[in-house]
C-alpha atoms as a PDB file:
ATOM      1  CA  MET A   1     178.318  51.700  74.817  1.00  0.00           C
ATOM      2  CA  ALA A   2     180.560  49.567  73.140  1.00  0.00           C
ATOM      3  CA  VAL A   3     181.121  46.745  70.415  1.00  0.00           C
ATOM      4  CA  ASN A   4     183.569  43.893  69.706  1.00  0.00           C
ATOM      5  CA  ASN A   5     184.712  41.680  67.038  1.00  0.00           C
ATOM      6  CA  ALA A   6     185.633  38.351  67.559  1.00  0.00           C
ATOM      7  CA  ASN A   7     190.082  37.547  66.815  1.00  0.00           C
ATOM      8  CA  TRP A   8     191.283  34.099  65.124  1.00  0.00           C
ATOM      9  CA  GLN A   9     190.394  32.464  67.973  1.00  0.00           C
ATOM     10  CA  HIS A  10     186.390  32.340  68.608  1.00  0.00           C
ATOM     11  CA  VAL A  11     185.709  31.594  65.024  1.00  0.00           C
ATOM     12  CA  PRO A  12     185.194  28.021  63.579  1.00  0.00           C
ATOM     13  CA  SER A  13     187.911  25.727  63.091  1.00  0.00           C
ATOM     14  CA  GLU A  14     187.692  25.235  59.398  1.00  0.00           C
ATOM     15  CA  ILE A  15     187.768  28.837  59.092  1.00  0.00           C
ATOM     16  CA  ARG A  16     190.883  30.108  61.702  1.00  0.00           C
ATOM     17  CA  GLU A  17     193.635  30.305  59.733  1.00  0.00           C
ATOM     18  CA  LEU A  18     191.429  32.837  56.852  1.00  0.00           C
ATOM     19  CA  ALA A  19     190.048  34.995  60.003  1.00  0.00           C
ATOM     20  CA  ARG A  20     194.044  35.148  61.248  1.00  0.00           C
ATOM     21  CA  GLN A  21     195.199  36.046  57.544  1.00  0.00           C
ATOM     22  CA  GLN A  22     192.872  38.805  57.058  1.00  0.00           C
ATOM     23  CA  TRP A  23     193.956  40.859  60.459  1.00  0.00           C
ATOM     24  CA  LEU A  24     197.249  40.161  59.389  1.00  0.00           C
ATOM     25  CA  GLU A  25     197.052  41.344  55.725  1.00  0.00           C
ATOM     26  CA  ALA A  26     194.913  44.493  57.887  1.00  0.00           C
ATOM     27  CA  ILE A  27     198.210  45.691  59.296  1.00  0.00           C
ATOM     28  CA  ASP A  28     200.623  44.802  55.724  1.00  0.00           C
ATOM     29  CA  THR A  29     197.088  47.909  54.210  1.00  0.00           C
ATOM     30  CA  ILE A  30     198.328  50.053  57.582  1.00  0.00           C
ATOM     31  CA  LYS A  31     201.298  49.654  57.004  1.00  0.00           C
ATOM     32  CA  GLU A  32     201.250  50.678  52.531  1.00  0.00           C
ATOM     33  CA  GLU A  33     198.330  52.816  52.999  1.00  0.00           C
ATOM     34  CA  GLY A  34     199.242  55.015  56.011  1.00  0.00           C
ATOM     35  CA  TYR A  35     195.608  54.811  57.384  1.00  0.00           C
ATOM     36  CA  PHE A  36     192.880  51.605  57.524  1.00  0.00           C
ATOM     37  CA  PRO A  37     190.961  52.034  54.601  1.00  0.00           C
ATOM     38  CA  PRO A  38     187.559  50.740  54.021  1.00  0.00           C
ATOM     39  CA  SER A  39     189.052  48.254  51.708  1.00  0.00           C
ATOM     40  CA  ALA A  40     190.288  46.550  54.073  1.00  0.00           C
ATOM     41  CA  SER A  41     187.798  45.569  56.655  1.00  0.00           C
ATOM     42  CA  ILE A  42     184.110  43.888  55.657  1.00  0.00           C
ATOM     43  CA  PHE A  43     182.276  46.461  57.758  1.00  0.00           C
ATOM     44  CA  GLY A  44     184.528  49.123  55.079  1.00  0.00           C
ATOM     45  CA  CYS A  45     185.466  51.266  58.253  1.00  0.00           C
ATOM     46  CA  THR A  46     188.312  54.102  57.858  1.00  0.00           C
ATOM     47  CA  LEU A  47     190.542  54.336  60.749  1.00  0.00           C
ATOM     48  CA  PRO A  48     193.900  56.589  61.828  1.00  0.00           C
ATOM     49  CA  ALA A  49     197.222  54.440  61.166  1.00  0.00           C
ATOM     50  CA  GLY A  50     197.471  53.809  64.915  1.00  0.00           C
ATOM     51  CA  CYS A  51     194.566  52.621  66.562  1.00  0.00           C
ATOM     52  CA  GLY A  52     194.202  50.853  63.309  1.00  0.00           C
ATOM     53  CA  MET A  53     197.835  49.217  64.227  1.00  0.00           C
ATOM     54  CA  GLU A  54     196.539  48.619  67.359  1.00  0.00           C
ATOM     55  CA  TRP A  55     193.536  46.982  66.644  1.00  0.00           C
ATOM     56  CA  THR A  56     194.455  44.667  64.049  1.00  0.00           C
ATOM     57  CA  GLU A  57     197.575  43.460  66.294  1.00  0.00           C
ATOM     58  CA  ALA A  58     195.628  43.041  69.244  1.00  0.00           C
ATOM     59  CA  ILE A  59     192.399  41.201  67.519  1.00  0.00           C
ATOM     60  CA  SER A  60     195.029  39.164  65.009  1.00  0.00           C
ATOM     61  CA  GLY A  61     197.655  37.821  68.261  1.00  0.00           C
ATOM     62  CA  ASP A  62     198.266  35.396  69.698  1.00  0.00           C
ATOM     63  CA  ASP A  63     196.138  35.657  72.836  1.00  0.00           C
ATOM     64  CA  LYS A  64     192.377  35.226  72.533  1.00  0.00           C
ATOM     65  CA  ARG A  65     191.479  38.012  76.165  1.00  0.00           C
ATOM     66  CA  TYR A  66     191.913  40.739  72.612  1.00  0.00           C
ATOM     67  CA  TYR A  67     193.141  43.817  74.546  1.00  0.00           C
ATOM     68  CA  ALA A  68     192.818  42.588  77.787  1.00  0.00           C
ATOM     69  CA  GLY A  69     196.274  40.752  76.114  1.00  0.00           C
ATOM     70  CA  ASN A  70     198.311  43.879  75.777  1.00  0.00           C
ATOM     71  CA  PRO A  71     200.054  44.206  79.298  1.00  0.00           C
ATOM     72  CA  LYS A  72     199.475  48.194  79.004  1.00  0.00           C
ATOM     73  CA  VAL A  73     196.241  47.727  79.775  1.00  0.00           C
ATOM     74  CA  ALA A  74     195.471  44.419  81.755  1.00  0.00           C
ATOM     75  CA  HIS A  75     195.036  45.723  84.023  1.00  0.00           C
ATOM     76  CA  PHE A  76     192.010  48.046  83.252  1.00  0.00           C
ATOM     77  CA  TYR A  77     189.865  44.432  83.297  1.00  0.00           C
ATOM     78  CA  THR A  78     191.046  42.456  86.031  1.00  0.00           C
ATOM     79  CA  SER A  79     190.375  45.617  87.845  1.00  0.00           C
ATOM     80  CA  TRP A  80     187.398  47.316  86.883  1.00  0.00           C
ATOM     81  CA  GLU A  81     184.298  46.074  89.706  1.00  0.00           C
ATOM     82  CA  PRO A  82     181.815  48.572  88.131  1.00  0.00           C
ATOM     83  CA  THR A  83     178.653  49.516  91.027  1.00  0.00           C
ATOM     84  CA  ASN A  84     176.660  48.502  88.132  1.00  0.00           C
ATOM     85  CA  GLU A  85     176.016  45.148  86.296  1.00  0.00           C
ATOM     86  CA  ILE A  86     177.575  45.380  82.618  1.00  0.00           C
ATOM     87  CA  ILE A  87     175.262  44.138  79.881  1.00  0.00           C
ATOM     88  CA  SER A  88     176.824  42.347  76.911  1.00  0.00           C
ATOM     89  CA  LEU A  89     173.846  42.248  74.171  1.00  0.00           C
ATOM     90  CA  VAL A  90     174.493  39.575  71.191  1.00  0.00           C
ATOM     91  CA  PHE A  91     172.129  39.585  67.330  1.00  0.00           C
ATOM     92  CA  SER A  92     172.319  36.356  66.837  1.00  0.00           C
ATOM     93  CA  ASP A  93     173.054  37.783  62.533  1.00  0.00           C
ATOM     94  CA  ASP A  94     175.935  39.014  63.781  1.00  0.00           C
ATOM     95  CA  VAL A  95     178.833  37.589  61.192  1.00  0.00           C
ATOM     96  CA  THR A  96     181.786  38.088  63.865  1.00  0.00           C
ATOM     97  CA  ILE A  97     180.305  35.395  66.318  1.00  0.00           C
ATOM     98  CA  PHE A  98     179.331  32.909  62.534  1.00  0.00           C
ATOM     99  CA  GLY A  99     176.740  31.820  63.769  1.00  0.00           C
ATOM    100  CA  GLN A 100     177.046  30.093  67.051  1.00  0.00           C
ATOM    101  CA  SER A 101     174.327  29.072  69.923  1.00  0.00           C
ATOM    102  CA  GLU A 102     177.192  30.675  72.403  1.00  0.00           C
ATOM    103  CA  PRO A 103     178.661  33.694  71.215  1.00  0.00           C
ATOM    104  CA  THR A 104     182.443  32.294  72.159  1.00  0.00           C
ATOM    105  CA  ALA A 105     184.290  35.334  70.841  1.00  0.00           C
ATOM    106  CA  VAL A 106     181.254  37.502  72.962  1.00  0.00           C
ATOM    107  CA  ASP A 107     181.791  35.052  75.516  1.00  0.00           C
ATOM    108  CA  ALA A 108     185.534  35.333  76.013  1.00  0.00           C
ATOM    109  CA  TRP A 109     185.221  38.999  76.242  1.00  0.00           C
ATOM    110  CA  CYS A 110     182.370  38.981  79.294  1.00  0.00           C
ATOM    111  CA  ALA A 111     185.328  36.358  80.613  1.00  0.00           C
ATOM    112  CA  VAL A 112     187.998  38.572  80.740  1.00  0.00           C
ATOM    113  CA  HIS A 113     185.993  41.521  83.552  1.00  0.00           C
ATOM    114  CA  THR A 114     186.846  38.838  85.904  1.00  0.00           C
ATOM    115  CA  ARG A 115     185.475  41.510  88.906  1.00  0.00           C
ATOM    116  CA  ALA A 116     182.233  42.413  86.728  1.00  0.00           C
ATOM    117  CA  LYS A 117     179.047  41.480  87.040  1.00  0.00           C
ATOM    118  CA  ILE A 118     177.826  41.251  83.426  1.00  0.00           C
ATOM    119  CA  THR A 119     174.855  39.660  81.936  1.00  0.00           C
ATOM    120  CA  ARG A 120     175.399  38.320  77.588  1.00  0.00           C
ATOM    121  CA  VAL A 121     171.457  38.564  76.169  1.00  0.00           C
ATOM    122  CA  MET A 122     171.444  37.001  72.364  1.00  0.00           C
ATOM    123  CA  VAL A 123     168.665  37.746  71.185  1.00  0.00           C
ATOM    124  CA  SER A 124     167.114  37.408  67.091  1.00  0.00           C
ATOM    125  CA  PRO A 125     166.668  40.276  65.169  1.00  0.00           C
ATOM    126  CA  LYS A 126     163.459  38.648  63.942  1.00  0.00           C
ATOM    127  CA  ASP A 127     161.845  38.617  66.986  1.00  0.00           C
ATOM    128  CA  TYR A 128     162.617  42.510  67.236  1.00  0.00           C
ATOM    129  CA  GLY A 129     160.228  43.294  64.201  1.00  0.00           C
ATOM    130  CA  THR A 130     163.143  43.058  61.947  1.00  0.00           C
ATOM    131  CA  SER A 131     164.661  41.280  59.551  1.00  0.00           C
ATOM    132  CA  ALA A 132     168.581  41.800  60.115  1.00  0.00           C
ATOM    133  CA  VAL A 133     171.138  43.511  62.456  1.00  0.00           C
ATOM    134  CA  GLY A 134     173.956  42.521  62.105  1.00  0.00           C
ATOM    135  CA  HIS A 135     177.388  43.156  63.155  1.00  0.00           C
ATOM    136  CA  VAL A 136     176.622  47.017  62.982  1.00  0.00           C
ATOM    137  CA  GLY A 137     173.173  47.380  61.591  1.00  0.00           C
ATOM    138  CA  MET A 138     171.630  49.187  65.525  1.00  0.00           C
ATOM    139  CA  PHE A 139     173.774  52.565  63.573  1.00  0.00           C
ATOM    140  CA  ARG A 140     170.880  52.105  59.989  1.00  0.00           C
ATOM    141  CA  GLU A 141     167.722  53.841  59.518  1.00  0.00           C
ATOM    142  CA  GLY A 142     164.556  52.392  60.818  1.00  0.00           C
ATOM    143  CA  GLN A 143     166.332  50.673  64.061  1.00  0.00           C
ATOM    144  CA  ILE A 144     164.065  52.198  66.297  1.00  0.00           C
ATOM    145  CA  ARG A 145     162.120  48.848  68.025  1.00  0.00           C
ATOM    146  CA  LEU A 146     165.843  48.269  68.853  1.00  0.00           C
ATOM    147  CA  TRP A 147     166.804  51.286  70.486  1.00  0.00           C
ATOM    148  CA  GLU A 148     164.345  50.688  72.540  1.00  0.00           C
ATOM    149  CA  VAL A 149     165.359  47.365  73.874  1.00  0.00           C
ATOM    150  CA  ILE A 150     168.590  48.685  74.415  1.00  0.00           C
ATOM    151  CA  GLY A 151     166.590  51.580  75.617  1.00  0.00           C
ATOM    152  CA  ASP A 152     164.161  49.674  78.212  1.00  0.00           C
ATOM    153  CA  ILE A 153     167.973  48.147  79.700  1.00  0.00           C
ATOM    154  CA  ILE A 154     169.497  51.812  80.360  1.00  0.00           C
ATOM    155  CA  LEU A 155     166.147  53.035  82.105  1.00  0.00           C
ATOM    156  CA  TYR A 156     164.496  50.615  83.781  1.00  0.00           C
ATOM    157  CA  GLY A 157     166.887  47.376  83.334  1.00  0.00           C
ATOM    158  CA  ARG A 158     164.416  45.437  82.008  1.00  0.00           C
ATOM    159  CA  LEU A 159     166.229  42.563  79.799  1.00  0.00           C
ATOM    160  CA  PRO A 160     164.148  41.595  76.510  1.00  0.00           C
ATOM    161  CA  LYS A 161     161.811  38.871  77.316  1.00  0.00           C
ATOM    162  CA  LYS A 162     163.354  37.176  74.280  1.00  0.00           C
ATOM    163  CA  GLY A 163     166.544  35.566  74.384  1.00  0.00           C
ATOM    164  CA  ARG A 164     169.546  33.870  74.818  1.00  0.00           C
ATOM    165  CA  PHE A 165     170.844  34.431  78.778  1.00  0.00           C
ATOM    166  CA  ARG A 166     174.160  34.208  80.374  1.00  0.00           C
ATOM    167  CA  ARG A 167     175.716  35.096  83.460  1.00  0.00           C
ATOM    168  CA  TRP A 168     179.307  36.101  85.141  1.00  0.00           C
ATOM    169  CA  ASN A 169     179.803  37.054  88.821  1.00  0.00           C
ATOM    170  CA  LEU A 170     176.642  36.108  89.495  1.00  0.00           C
ATOM    171  CA  GLY A 171     175.141  39.938  88.108  1.00  0.00           C
ATOM    172  CA  LYS A 172     171.652  40.139  88.457  1.00  0.00           C
ATOM    173  CA  VAL A 173     170.963  43.409  86.787  1.00  0.00           C
ATOM    174  CA  ARG A 174     170.151  46.229  88.579  1.00  0.00           C
ATOM    175  CA  LEU A 175     170.714  50.229  87.185  1.00  0.00           C
END
């Protein structure tokens, strides 16, 4: 399981520069504090300086491909040919997709894996019995139904019945 964050190019144009500035300020905070403090993130996470710096520099950089734009790791993304298809599950109320019906940040991340079969599924929390999930809400108490959806994907290869789907590289779920 993995999670991704939108870098500044994938936000709506009217807030693009503000989004980039947020990450540049996070870099300054890491340099001052020696770590990435919860106050530097709307998600309230704490990260070691090295990890926080690598993350924020990748997100705030000019390359839309996130870490795949880093020459040290680009080969990993472009050469990876997993046997099983990647399922990218996105919740429609995740703040990092900025209300986009086609989540450009997630789609850009999926498109980086040029040799992997991928299906992106965007679901509405209401369709699965909860009012909100957001960016990290899967890990909050009371999200049992959402974990059942993930269990269906991982254990049985069953995609949710509701949602918006997009496929890359001729993928068909076969887990």
